Each structure stands twice: as C-alpha cells, then as structure tokens.
Amino acid sequence: MTRLPIFDNPLLLGFDHFEQVLDRVVKTSAEGYPPYNIEQTGEENLRITLAVAGFTMADLEVTTEDNQLVIRGRNAADDNDRVYLHRGIAARQFQRSFVLAEGIEVTSARLEDGLLHVDLFRPIPESQVKTIQIEKGAANGKRSNSTTIDLEADA
C-alpha cells in the first residue's frame, strides 16, 4: 500500500483505518463497468443505481462485507446457439464495490427495467458533548487537585 503524504503528519494519530479505506476507493474507482449513479433521495436516504441490462435477479448478488457494499453479476445465459453480427450489450461478469461509512445501512435492492436500485439509509449523527477531566499533576508524578473542562465534539 502506498502511504499518502497527508497521513505522515504527526497530528493525525490513529487514522490508519481511513488510509486503508482511501486505498480501497482508489482501487475500485478505476472500474468502469457497469455504469452507475448515486443520488440523494431524502435527507437521510441514498440510492445507488447500476445499469445491468441483460442480467436477471438470479444473475445478481448484493452483499455487505466489512463496510463495503459489493454487487456482483454473473450472466449465466447460454449464448452458444446464437450467432451475433454485432454484440453491443455487455454480458460479462462484474463486481462493483462501494465503501460505506460507519452507520450506513442497506435497506433494499430491486431490479426494474434493466436497472438495479440499491437503497441506503444514512442517519445524521447527533452532536455529542463529552466532559474530560483535567488533573493537576504533582512534580513527583502523584495526582492532586483536578479541574473539569467541556469539549464539544461533532460525531
């Protein structure tokens, strides 16, 4: 894996997971088949639509694996008895992966008019306030008085 220069910054501690996710995104973005759209269908809803003409429901598989949505297509049609003069409709197998953020849920998948629609639910995280106690340390390393400070963190 190639290390991205931004993650070499000493202020970014514990972001190794994000670097791995970005690496997966770069690998999967090079794929061009099948074409797809991603749209926002509501404040907390998304839809991924893939053009899968020629595939039936039995040829398609939608799974989630380690925060990844994986869509596979295997066209099992037997074309040995057909002679094509031109073949412009792709019938090759494919695998398309989408990295999902924490908390995103796949709610449904449906095949309609050659398009596979996968609906996602993305809850909007609430702002969280966490109080961190600050302790006063003695010169010899023993604890003494303590003070409390409020830090606001957006989840």
C-alpha atoms as a PDB file:
ATOM      1  CA  MET A   1       0.000   0.000   0.000  1.00  0.00           C
ATOM      2  CA  THR A   2       1.330   3.436  -0.903  1.00  0.00           C
ATOM      3  CA  ARG A   3       1.374   5.765   2.076  1.00  0.00           C
ATOM      4  CA  LEU A   4      -0.344   9.077   1.405  1.00  0.00           C
ATOM      5  CA  PRO A   5       1.764  12.094   2.470  1.00  0.00           C
ATOM      6  CA  ILE A   6      -1.115  13.679   4.407  1.00  0.00           C
ATOM      7  CA  PHE A   7      -1.138  10.753   6.851  1.00  0.00           C
ATOM      8  CA  ASP A   8       2.548  11.339   7.687  1.00  0.00           C
ATOM      9  CA  ASN A   9       1.508  14.410   9.680  1.00  0.00           C
ATOM     10  CA  PRO A  10       2.197  13.781  13.392  1.00  0.00           C
ATOM     11  CA  LEU A  11      -1.097  15.479  14.330  1.00  0.00           C
ATOM     12  CA  LEU A  12      -3.112  12.755  12.569  1.00  0.00           C
ATOM     13  CA  LEU A  13      -2.830   9.902  15.045  1.00  0.00           C
ATOM     14  CA  GLY A  14      -4.968   6.804  14.644  1.00  0.00           C
ATOM     15  CA  PHE A  15      -6.123   7.477  11.079  1.00  0.00           C
ATOM     16  CA  ASP A  16      -4.683   4.251   9.631  1.00  0.00           C
ATOM     17  CA  HIS A  17      -8.200   2.946   9.012  1.00  0.00           C
ATOM     18  CA  PHE A  18      -9.034   5.990   6.863  1.00  0.00           C
ATOM     19  CA  GLU A  19      -5.883   5.462   4.840  1.00  0.00           C
ATOM     20  CA  GLN A  20      -6.911   1.861   4.160  1.00  0.00           C
ATOM     21  CA  VAL A  21     -10.401   2.988   3.116  1.00  0.00           C
ATOM     22  CA  LEU A  22      -8.950   5.592   0.740  1.00  0.00           C
ATOM     23  CA  ASP A  23      -6.689   2.935  -0.742  1.00  0.00           C
ATOM     24  CA  ARG A  24      -9.752   0.730  -1.419  1.00  0.00           C
ATOM     25  CA  VAL A  25     -11.579   3.678  -3.009  1.00  0.00           C
ATOM     26  CA  VAL A  26      -8.674   4.352  -5.367  1.00  0.00           C
ATOM     27  CA  LYS A  27      -8.574   0.695  -6.427  1.00  0.00           C
ATOM     28  CA  THR A  28     -12.317   0.458  -7.118  1.00  0.00           C
ATOM     29  CA  SER A  29     -12.636   3.840  -8.872  1.00  0.00           C
ATOM     30  CA  ALA A  30     -10.702   2.513 -11.870  1.00  0.00           C
ATOM     31  CA  GLU A  31     -13.555   0.137 -12.711  1.00  0.00           C
ATOM     32  CA  GLY A  32     -15.901   1.373 -15.419  1.00  0.00           C
ATOM     33  CA  TYR A  33     -18.473  -1.403 -15.778  1.00  0.00           C
ATOM     34  CA  PRO A  34     -21.330  -1.318 -15.123  1.00  0.00           C
ATOM     35  CA  PRO A  35     -22.101   2.407 -15.124  1.00  0.00           C
ATOM     36  CA  TYR A  36     -23.879   3.719 -12.034  1.00  0.00           C
ATOM     37  CA  ASN A  37     -25.499   6.766 -10.433  1.00  0.00           C
ATOM     38  CA  ILE A  38     -25.558   7.789  -6.782  1.00  0.00           C
ATOM     39  CA  GLU A  39     -28.396  10.071  -5.762  1.00  0.00           C
ATOM     40  CA  GLN A  40     -29.778  11.519  -2.566  1.00  0.00           C
ATOM     41  CA  THR A  41     -33.435  10.587  -2.281  1.00  0.00           C
ATOM     42  CA  GLY A  42     -34.106  12.181   1.107  1.00  0.00           C
ATOM     43  CA  GLU A  43     -32.325  13.864   3.978  1.00  0.00           C
ATOM     44  CA  GLU A  44     -31.113  10.502   5.310  1.00  0.00           C
ATOM     45  CA  ASN A  45     -31.524   8.324   2.186  1.00  0.00           C
ATOM     46  CA  LEU A  46     -29.264   7.499  -0.741  1.00  0.00           C
ATOM     47  CA  ARG A  47     -29.758   5.317  -3.823  1.00  0.00           C
ATOM     48  CA  ILE A  48     -27.160   3.621  -5.986  1.00  0.00           C
ATOM     49  CA  THR A  49     -28.464   2.678  -9.435  1.00  0.00           C
ATOM     50  CA  LEU A  50     -26.482   0.342 -11.708  1.00  0.00           C
ATOM     51  CA  ALA A  51     -27.230  -0.278 -15.388  1.00  0.00           C
ATOM     52  CA  VAL A  52     -27.374  -4.080 -15.577  1.00  0.00           C
ATOM     53  CA  ALA A  53     -29.190  -4.720 -18.865  1.00  0.00           C
ATOM     54  CA  GLY A  54     -29.277  -8.416 -19.727  1.00  0.00           C
ATOM     55  CA  PHE A  55     -28.936  -9.601 -16.115  1.00  0.00           C
ATOM     56  CA  THR A  56     -31.781 -11.285 -14.246  1.00  0.00           C
ATOM     57  CA  MET A  57     -32.339 -11.314 -10.483  1.00  0.00           C
ATOM     58  CA  ALA A  58     -30.756 -14.774 -10.368  1.00  0.00           C
ATOM     59  CA  ASP A  59     -27.598 -13.378 -12.009  1.00  0.00           C
ATOM     60  CA  LEU A  60     -27.110 -10.606  -9.414  1.00  0.00           C
ATOM     61  CA  GLU A  61     -25.860 -10.685  -5.835  1.00  0.00           C
ATOM     62  CA  VAL A  62     -25.803  -7.772  -3.364  1.00  0.00           C
ATOM     63  CA  THR A  63     -23.800  -8.206  -0.132  1.00  0.00           C
ATOM     64  CA  THR A  64     -22.100  -6.116   2.523  1.00  0.00           C
ATOM     65  CA  GLU A  65     -18.605  -7.122   3.588  1.00  0.00           C
ATOM     66  CA  ASP A  66     -16.522  -5.132   6.113  1.00  0.00           C
ATOM     67  CA  ASN A  67     -18.210  -1.747   5.495  1.00  0.00           C
ATOM     68  CA  GLN A  68     -18.260  -2.357   1.754  1.00  0.00           C
ATOM     69  CA  LEU A  69     -21.306  -2.790  -0.445  1.00  0.00           C
ATOM     70  CA  VAL A  70     -20.391  -5.419  -3.051  1.00  0.00           C
ATOM     71  CA  ILE A  71     -22.552  -6.020  -6.125  1.00  0.00           C
ATOM     72  CA  ARG A  72     -21.705  -8.994  -8.338  1.00  0.00           C
ATOM     73  CA  GLY A  73     -23.185 -10.009 -11.658  1.00  0.00           C
ATOM     74  CA  ARG A  74     -22.710 -13.352 -13.359  1.00  0.00           C
ATOM     75  CA  ASN A  75     -24.639 -13.781 -16.582  1.00  0.00           C
ATOM     76  CA  ALA A  76     -25.448 -17.459 -16.870  1.00  0.00           C
ATOM     77  CA  ALA A  77     -27.230 -17.172 -20.233  1.00  0.00           C
ATOM     78  CA  ASP A  78     -26.178 -19.807 -22.747  1.00  0.00           C
ATOM     79  CA  ASP A  79     -25.340 -17.990 -25.988  1.00  0.00           C
ATOM     80  CA  ASN A  80     -23.635 -20.921 -27.718  1.00  0.00           C
ATOM     81  CA  ASP A  81     -26.527 -21.360 -30.147  1.00  0.00           C
ATOM     82  CA  ARG A  82     -26.641 -17.654 -31.137  1.00  0.00           C
ATOM     83  CA  VAL A  83     -24.627 -16.011 -33.897  1.00  0.00           C
ATOM     84  CA  TYR A  84     -24.132 -12.277 -33.308  1.00  0.00           C
ATOM     85  CA  LEU A  85     -23.424  -9.895 -36.172  1.00  0.00           C
ATOM     86  CA  HIS A  86     -22.834  -7.150 -33.582  1.00  0.00           C
ATOM     87  CA  ARG A  87     -22.760  -7.544 -29.823  1.00  0.00           C
ATOM     88  CA  GLY A  88     -23.093  -4.205 -28.059  1.00  0.00           C
ATOM     89  CA  ILE A  89     -24.811  -5.363 -24.879  1.00  0.00           C
ATOM     90  CA  ALA A  90     -22.180  -6.437 -22.417  1.00  0.00           C
ATOM     91  CA  ALA A  91     -22.763  -9.832 -20.863  1.00  0.00           C
ATOM     92  CA  ARG A  92     -19.552 -10.159 -18.912  1.00  0.00           C
ATOM     93  CA  GLN A  93     -19.441 -10.767 -15.197  1.00  0.00           C
ATOM     94  CA  PHE A  94     -18.637  -7.861 -12.892  1.00  0.00           C
ATOM     95  CA  GLN A  95     -18.001  -6.870  -9.322  1.00  0.00           C
ATOM     96  CA  ARG A  96     -18.616  -3.290  -8.198  1.00  0.00           C
ATOM     97  CA  SER A  97     -17.696  -2.215  -4.649  1.00  0.00           C
ATOM     98  CA  PHE A  98     -18.692   0.872  -2.679  1.00  0.00           C
ATOM     99  CA  VAL A  99     -17.055   1.807   0.635  1.00  0.00           C
ATOM    100  CA  LEU A 100     -19.741   2.592   3.218  1.00  0.00           C
ATOM    101  CA  ALA A 101     -19.273   4.970   6.137  1.00  0.00           C
ATOM    102  CA  GLU A 102     -19.989   3.754   9.658  1.00  0.00           C
ATOM    103  CA  GLY A 103     -23.722   3.577  10.339  1.00  0.00           C
ATOM    104  CA  ILE A 104     -24.929   3.370   6.724  1.00  0.00           C
ATOM    105  CA  GLU A 105     -27.427   0.557   6.243  1.00  0.00           C
ATOM    106  CA  VAL A 106     -28.564  -1.110   3.025  1.00  0.00           C
ATOM    107  CA  THR A 107     -32.363  -1.127   3.234  1.00  0.00           C
ATOM    108  CA  SER A 108     -33.411  -2.695  -0.082  1.00  0.00           C
ATOM    109  CA  ALA A 109     -32.413  -3.725  -3.594  1.00  0.00           C
ATOM    110  CA  ARG A 110     -34.716  -4.087  -6.588  1.00  0.00           C
ATOM    111  CA  LEU A 111     -34.312  -4.787 -10.296  1.00  0.00           C
ATOM    112  CA  GLU A 112     -36.509  -2.697 -12.584  1.00  0.00           C
ATOM    113  CA  ASP A 113     -36.220  -2.153 -16.367  1.00  0.00           C
ATOM    114  CA  GLY A 114     -32.564  -3.199 -16.545  1.00  0.00           C
ATOM    115  CA  LEU A 115     -31.576  -1.003 -13.572  1.00  0.00           C
ATOM    116  CA  LEU A 116     -30.580  -2.315 -10.159  1.00  0.00           C
ATOM    117  CA  HIS A 117     -31.594   0.138  -7.409  1.00  0.00           C
ATOM    118  CA  VAL A 118     -29.907  -0.253  -4.015  1.00  0.00           C
ATOM    119  CA  ASP A 119     -31.377   1.982  -1.292  1.00  0.00           C
ATOM    120  CA  LEU A 120     -29.275   3.103   1.669  1.00  0.00           C
ATOM    121  CA  PHE A 121     -30.130   4.766   4.970  1.00  0.00           C
ATOM    122  CA  ARG A 122     -27.595   7.274   6.320  1.00  0.00           C
ATOM    123  CA  PRO A 123     -28.564   8.524   9.786  1.00  0.00           C
ATOM    124  CA  ILE A 124     -27.434  12.054  10.600  1.00  0.00           C
ATOM    125  CA  PRO A 125     -25.241  11.818  13.701  1.00  0.00           C
ATOM    126  CA  GLU A 126     -26.162  13.975  16.653  1.00  0.00           C
ATOM    127  CA  SER A 127     -23.637  16.314  18.158  1.00  0.00           C
ATOM    128  CA  GLN A 128     -22.116  14.904  21.344  1.00  0.00           C
ATOM    129  CA  VAL A 129     -20.646  16.811  24.264  1.00  0.00           C
ATOM    130  CA  LYS A 130     -18.150  14.930  26.387  1.00  0.00           C
ATOM    131  CA  THR A 131     -16.588  16.230  29.586  1.00  0.00           C
ATOM    132  CA  ILE A 132     -12.891  15.448  30.020  1.00  0.00           C
ATOM    133  CA  GLN A 133     -11.424  15.778  33.487  1.00  0.00           C
ATOM    134  CA  ILE A 134      -8.094  17.602  33.699  1.00  0.00           C
ATOM    135  CA  GLU A 135      -5.934  16.509  36.566  1.00  0.00           C
ATOM    136  CA  LYS A 136      -3.209  18.568  38.177  1.00  0.00           C
ATOM    137  CA  GLY A 137      -0.041  16.564  38.433  1.00  0.00           C
ATOM    138  CA  ALA A 138       2.495  16.937  41.235  1.00  0.00           C
ATOM    139  CA  ALA A 139       6.187  17.276  40.483  1.00  0.00           C
ATOM    140  CA  ASN A 140       6.826  13.687  41.600  1.00  0.00           C
ATOM    141  CA  GLY A 141       4.061  12.313  39.321  1.00  0.00           C
ATOM    142  CA  LYS A 142       1.374  11.926  42.009  1.00  0.00           C
ATOM    143  CA  ARG A 143      -2.125  13.247  41.326  1.00  0.00           C
ATOM    144  CA  SER A 144      -3.618  16.014  43.391  1.00  0.00           C
ATOM    145  CA  ASN A 145      -6.344  18.562  42.510  1.00  0.00           C
ATOM    146  CA  SER A 146      -8.456  18.184  39.383  1.00  0.00           C
ATOM    147  CA  THR A 147     -10.448  20.536  37.141  1.00  0.00           C
ATOM    148  CA  THR A 148     -13.172  19.747  34.601  1.00  0.00           C
ATOM    149  CA  ILE A 149     -13.372  21.205  31.084  1.00  0.00           C
ATOM    150  CA  ASP A 150     -16.102  20.718  28.470  1.00  0.00           C
ATOM    151  CA  LEU A 151     -15.090  19.795  24.932  1.00  0.00           C
ATOM    152  CA  GLU A 152     -17.646  19.691  22.155  1.00  0.00           C
ATOM    153  CA  ALA A 153     -17.149  17.005  19.535  1.00  0.00           C
ATOM    154  CA  ASP A 154     -19.138  16.521  16.358  1.00  0.00           C
ATOM    155  CA  ALA A 155     -19.687  12.856  15.691  1.00  0.00           C
END
